[in-house]
């Protein structure tokens, strides 16, 4: 079990909002979030609890922040 193995969908949404992303679409059990300057949308399944760790790691890269920055938000948002 890694550091990001127990992030719920609700908590992940709060973290994305805190990082300045906005939900742009929800279709077929997937949510897409975006922020100006990003090359791709952040995508995750909204019916899988908790979000798989590899999806969290991939989305950290997509957002373009360091794991340390994500960890800081993770600690702030419970």
C-alpha atoms as a PDB file:
ATOM      1  CA  UNK A   1       0.000   0.000   0.000  1.00  0.00           C
ATOM      2  CA  UNK A   2       1.440   3.303  -1.099  1.00  0.00           C
ATOM      3  CA  UNK A   3       0.997   6.847   0.016  1.00  0.00           C
ATOM      4  CA  UNK A   4      -1.906   7.523  -2.355  1.00  0.00           C
ATOM      5  CA  UNK A   5      -3.810   4.263  -1.885  1.00  0.00           C
ATOM      6  CA  UNK A   6      -6.776   5.575   0.146  1.00  0.00           C
ATOM      7  CA  UNK A   7      -7.817   8.820  -1.545  1.00  0.00           C
ATOM      8  CA  UNK A   8     -11.591   8.945  -1.903  1.00  0.00           C
ATOM      9  CA  UNK A   9     -13.300  10.488  -4.915  1.00  0.00           C
ATOM     10  CA  UNK A  10     -14.723  13.313  -2.744  1.00  0.00           C
ATOM     11  CA  UNK A  11     -11.285  14.158  -1.310  1.00  0.00           C
ATOM     12  CA  UNK A  12      -9.645  14.027  -4.752  1.00  0.00           C
ATOM     13  CA  UNK A  13     -12.276  16.464  -6.063  1.00  0.00           C
ATOM     14  CA  UNK A  14     -11.514  18.865  -3.193  1.00  0.00           C
ATOM     15  CA  UNK A  15      -7.793  18.663  -3.938  1.00  0.00           C
ATOM     16  CA  UNK A  16      -8.374  19.364  -7.629  1.00  0.00           C
ATOM     17  CA  UNK A  17     -10.526  22.396  -6.774  1.00  0.00           C
ATOM     18  CA  UNK A  18      -7.850  23.653  -4.371  1.00  0.00           C
ATOM     19  CA  UNK A  19      -5.294  23.358  -7.184  1.00  0.00           C
ATOM     20  CA  UNK A  20      -7.472  25.557  -9.411  1.00  0.00           C
ATOM     21  CA  UNK A  21      -8.981  22.888 -11.658  1.00  0.00           C
ATOM     22  CA  UNK A  22     -12.624  22.890 -12.733  1.00  0.00           C
ATOM     23  CA  UNK A  23     -14.798  19.958 -13.708  1.00  0.00           C
ATOM     24  CA  UNK A  24     -15.509  20.242 -17.417  1.00  0.00           C
ATOM     25  CA  UNK A  25     -17.371  16.995 -18.044  1.00  0.00           C
ATOM     26  CA  UNK A  26     -18.847  13.916 -16.434  1.00  0.00           C
ATOM     27  CA  UNK A  27     -19.916  11.068 -18.658  1.00  0.00           C
ATOM     28  CA  UNK A  28     -20.120   7.312 -18.366  1.00  0.00           C
ATOM     29  CA  UNK A  29     -18.681   7.133 -14.874  1.00  0.00           C
ATOM     30  CA  UNK A  30     -15.672   9.322 -15.653  1.00  0.00           C
ATOM     31  CA  UNK A  31     -14.973  12.914 -14.643  1.00  0.00           C
ATOM     32  CA  UNK A  32     -12.753  15.304 -16.570  1.00  0.00           C
ATOM     33  CA  UNK A  33     -11.105  18.286 -14.914  1.00  0.00           C
ATOM     34  CA  UNK A  34      -9.069  21.068 -16.518  1.00  0.00           C
ATOM     35  CA  UNK A  35      -7.083  24.196 -15.722  1.00  0.00           C
ATOM     36  CA  UNK A  36      -5.714  26.794 -18.117  1.00  0.00           C
ATOM     37  CA  UNK A  37      -2.213  25.880 -19.214  1.00  0.00           C
ATOM     38  CA  UNK A  38      -2.615  22.110 -18.934  1.00  0.00           C
ATOM     39  CA  UNK A  39      -2.051  19.991 -22.036  1.00  0.00           C
ATOM     40  CA  UNK A  40      -4.532  17.246 -21.081  1.00  0.00           C
ATOM     41  CA  UNK A  41      -7.582  16.776 -18.896  1.00  0.00           C
ATOM     42  CA  UNK A  42      -7.368  15.028 -15.536  1.00  0.00           C
ATOM     43  CA  UNK A  43      -9.598  11.945 -15.866  1.00  0.00           C
ATOM     44  CA  UNK A  44     -10.729   9.480 -13.215  1.00  0.00           C
ATOM     45  CA  UNK A  45     -13.608   7.104 -12.579  1.00  0.00           C
ATOM     46  CA  UNK A  46     -16.108   8.520 -10.123  1.00  0.00           C
ATOM     47  CA  UNK A  47     -17.550   5.127  -9.157  1.00  0.00           C
ATOM     48  CA  UNK A  48     -14.324   3.469  -7.942  1.00  0.00           C
ATOM     49  CA  UNK A  49     -13.546   3.984  -4.231  1.00  0.00           C
ATOM     50  CA  UNK A  50     -10.795   4.676  -3.408  1.00  0.00           C
ATOM     51  CA  UNK A  51      -9.145   6.007  -6.551  1.00  0.00           C
ATOM     52  CA  UNK A  52      -6.378   3.587  -7.632  1.00  0.00           C
ATOM     53  CA  UNK A  53      -2.892   4.801  -6.754  1.00  0.00           C
ATOM     54  CA  UNK A  54      -1.619   4.629 -10.351  1.00  0.00           C
ATOM     55  CA  UNK A  55      -4.471   6.916 -11.471  1.00  0.00           C
ATOM     56  CA  UNK A  56      -3.534   9.442  -8.765  1.00  0.00           C
ATOM     57  CA  UNK A  57       0.145   9.312  -9.806  1.00  0.00           C
ATOM     58  CA  UNK A  58      -0.708   9.746 -13.500  1.00  0.00           C
ATOM     59  CA  UNK A  59      -2.954  12.709 -12.723  1.00  0.00           C
ATOM     60  CA  UNK A  60      -0.259  14.377 -10.605  1.00  0.00           C
ATOM     61  CA  UNK A  61       1.936  14.299 -13.730  1.00  0.00           C
ATOM     62  CA  UNK A  62      -0.935  15.564 -15.890  1.00  0.00           C
ATOM     63  CA  UNK A  63      -1.531  18.521 -13.558  1.00  0.00           C
ATOM     64  CA  UNK A  64       2.170  19.343 -13.771  1.00  0.00           C
ATOM     65  CA  UNK A  65       2.958  19.595 -10.067  1.00  0.00           C
ATOM     66  CA  UNK A  66       5.486  17.788  -7.918  1.00  0.00           C
ATOM     67  CA  UNK A  67       4.497  15.015  -5.541  1.00  0.00           C
ATOM     68  CA  UNK A  68       5.612  17.307  -2.710  1.00  0.00           C
ATOM     69  CA  UNK A  69       3.089  19.949  -3.801  1.00  0.00           C
ATOM     70  CA  UNK A  70       0.366  17.308  -4.031  1.00  0.00           C
ATOM     71  CA  UNK A  71       1.337  15.950  -0.598  1.00  0.00           C
ATOM     72  CA  UNK A  72       0.968  19.444   0.864  1.00  0.00           C
ATOM     73  CA  UNK A  73      -2.602  19.712  -0.489  1.00  0.00           C
ATOM     74  CA  UNK A  74      -3.317  16.159   0.648  1.00  0.00           C
ATOM     75  CA  UNK A  75      -2.312  17.112   4.201  1.00  0.00           C
ATOM     76  CA  UNK A  76      -4.395  20.315   4.093  1.00  0.00           C
ATOM     77  CA  UNK A  77      -7.567  18.641   2.817  1.00  0.00           C
ATOM     78  CA  UNK A  78      -9.061  15.849   4.865  1.00  0.00           C
END
